[in-house]
């Protein structure tokens, strides 16, 4: 099964969140075809969590894993470091006081 191009996945993700009334922004654009994606969830209380998609090497299943969480400036610094290693990385910021990010609800992984 072929993977969905990253740019298309990002567009679908943004549309899904916006349909739920969840604020979402593209902070950094990566490679539209095959760039990796980091999603930062800011809960509007000074805290945040960054998620990255990983692949289970045994099953091949793709799922979202927590990269880091804590005070928002610390999470931002971790994301900056990731971007310095991977200039093709997309960074999406979700702002939701209820902690909704809809990852895993997409059906597009």
Protein backbone atom coordinates (compact mmCIF):
# COMPACT_ATOMS: atom_id res chain seq x y z
CA UNK A 1 0.00 0.00 0.00
CA UNK A 2 1.41 3.40 -0.91
CA UNK A 3 1.69 6.16 1.62
CA UNK A 4 -0.19 9.41 1.33
CA UNK A 5 2.04 12.37 0.39
CA UNK A 6 2.83 14.45 3.46
CA UNK A 7 1.38 17.67 2.03
CA UNK A 8 -1.97 15.95 1.40
CA UNK A 9 -1.97 14.42 4.88
CA UNK A 10 -1.29 17.84 6.44
CA UNK A 11 -4.13 19.42 4.46
CA UNK A 12 -6.56 16.71 5.56
CA UNK A 13 -5.40 16.99 9.18
CA UNK A 14 -5.88 20.76 9.24
CA UNK A 15 -9.35 20.43 7.71
CA UNK A 16 -10.33 17.77 10.28
CA UNK A 17 -9.24 19.92 13.22
CA UNK A 18 -10.83 23.07 11.83
CA UNK A 19 -14.11 21.18 11.36
CA UNK A 20 -14.02 20.46 15.12
CA UNK A 21 -13.30 24.11 15.94
CA UNK A 22 -9.74 23.35 17.05
CA UNK A 23 -7.09 25.98 16.26
CA UNK A 24 -4.23 24.62 14.16
CA UNK A 25 -1.28 26.23 12.39
CA UNK A 26 1.57 25.19 10.14
CA UNK A 27 4.68 26.39 11.97
CA UNK A 28 7.20 24.91 9.51
CA UNK A 29 6.65 23.43 6.06
CA UNK A 30 8.68 20.39 5.18
CA UNK A 31 8.98 18.25 2.09
CA UNK A 32 5.53 17.98 0.50
CA UNK A 33 6.08 14.43 -0.68
CA UNK A 34 7.85 12.59 2.11
CA UNK A 35 8.67 14.98 4.96
CA UNK A 36 8.18 13.77 8.52
CA UNK A 37 5.58 15.53 10.71
CA UNK A 38 5.77 16.72 14.31
CA UNK A 39 2.55 17.82 15.99
CA UNK A 40 2.75 20.13 18.97
CA UNK A 41 -0.31 20.24 21.22
CA UNK A 42 -0.46 23.40 23.33
CA UNK A 43 -3.09 23.15 26.06
CA UNK A 44 -3.16 26.91 26.70
CA UNK A 45 -1.91 26.55 30.29
CA UNK A 46 1.81 26.88 29.56
CA UNK A 47 2.15 23.14 28.90
CA UNK A 48 2.62 21.32 25.62
CA UNK A 49 3.28 17.90 24.13
CA UNK A 50 5.05 17.07 20.88
CA UNK A 51 4.08 13.94 18.95
CA UNK A 52 5.92 12.17 16.17
CA UNK A 53 4.86 9.29 13.99
CA UNK A 54 6.89 6.14 14.39
CA UNK A 55 6.83 2.75 12.71
CA UNK A 56 6.79 -0.56 14.57
CA UNK A 57 9.60 -2.44 12.84
CA UNK A 58 7.98 -5.82 13.46
CA UNK A 59 4.41 -5.11 12.35
CA UNK A 60 5.02 -2.12 10.08
CA UNK A 61 2.20 -0.31 11.90
CA UNK A 62 2.50 3.48 12.01
CA UNK A 63 1.36 5.28 15.14
CA UNK A 64 1.80 8.56 16.96
CA UNK A 65 4.17 8.58 19.92
CA UNK A 66 4.96 11.30 22.44
CA UNK A 67 8.33 12.87 21.71
CA UNK A 68 8.36 15.23 24.69
CA UNK A 69 6.01 17.06 27.03
CA UNK A 70 6.23 19.71 29.72
CA UNK A 71 6.54 23.47 29.83
CA UNK A 72 5.87 24.93 26.39
CA UNK A 73 9.28 26.65 26.00
CA UNK A 74 11.02 23.31 26.69
CA UNK A 75 8.86 21.56 24.08
CA UNK A 76 9.58 24.37 21.60
CA UNK A 77 13.32 23.93 22.16
CA UNK A 78 13.03 20.19 21.51
CA UNK A 79 11.19 20.92 18.27
CA UNK A 80 13.87 23.44 17.25
CA UNK A 81 16.51 20.74 17.75
CA UNK A 82 14.53 18.28 15.64
CA UNK A 83 14.25 20.88 12.86
CA UNK A 84 18.01 21.44 12.95
CA UNK A 85 18.52 17.71 12.24
CA UNK A 86 15.77 17.48 9.62
CA UNK A 87 15.05 20.55 7.46
CA UNK A 88 12.30 18.59 5.64
CA UNK A 89 10.31 18.27 8.88
CA UNK A 90 6.79 19.68 9.07
CA UNK A 91 5.75 21.23 12.40
CA UNK A 92 2.03 21.60 13.07
CA UNK A 93 0.82 23.41 16.19
CA UNK A 94 -2.56 22.56 17.68
CA UNK A 95 -4.01 24.80 20.39
CA UNK A 96 -6.76 23.25 22.46
CA UNK A 97 -7.40 23.71 26.18
CA UNK A 98 -9.18 20.32 26.24
CA UNK A 99 -6.10 18.55 24.84
CA UNK A 100 -7.72 17.36 21.62
CA UNK A 101 -5.35 16.63 18.75
CA UNK A 102 -7.30 14.03 16.73
CA UNK A 103 -4.17 12.03 15.88
CA UNK A 104 -5.19 8.46 15.37
CA UNK A 105 -8.73 9.55 14.48
CA UNK A 106 -7.66 10.47 10.98
CA UNK A 107 -7.70 7.13 9.23
CA UNK A 108 -4.98 8.50 6.95
CA UNK A 109 -1.90 6.94 8.51
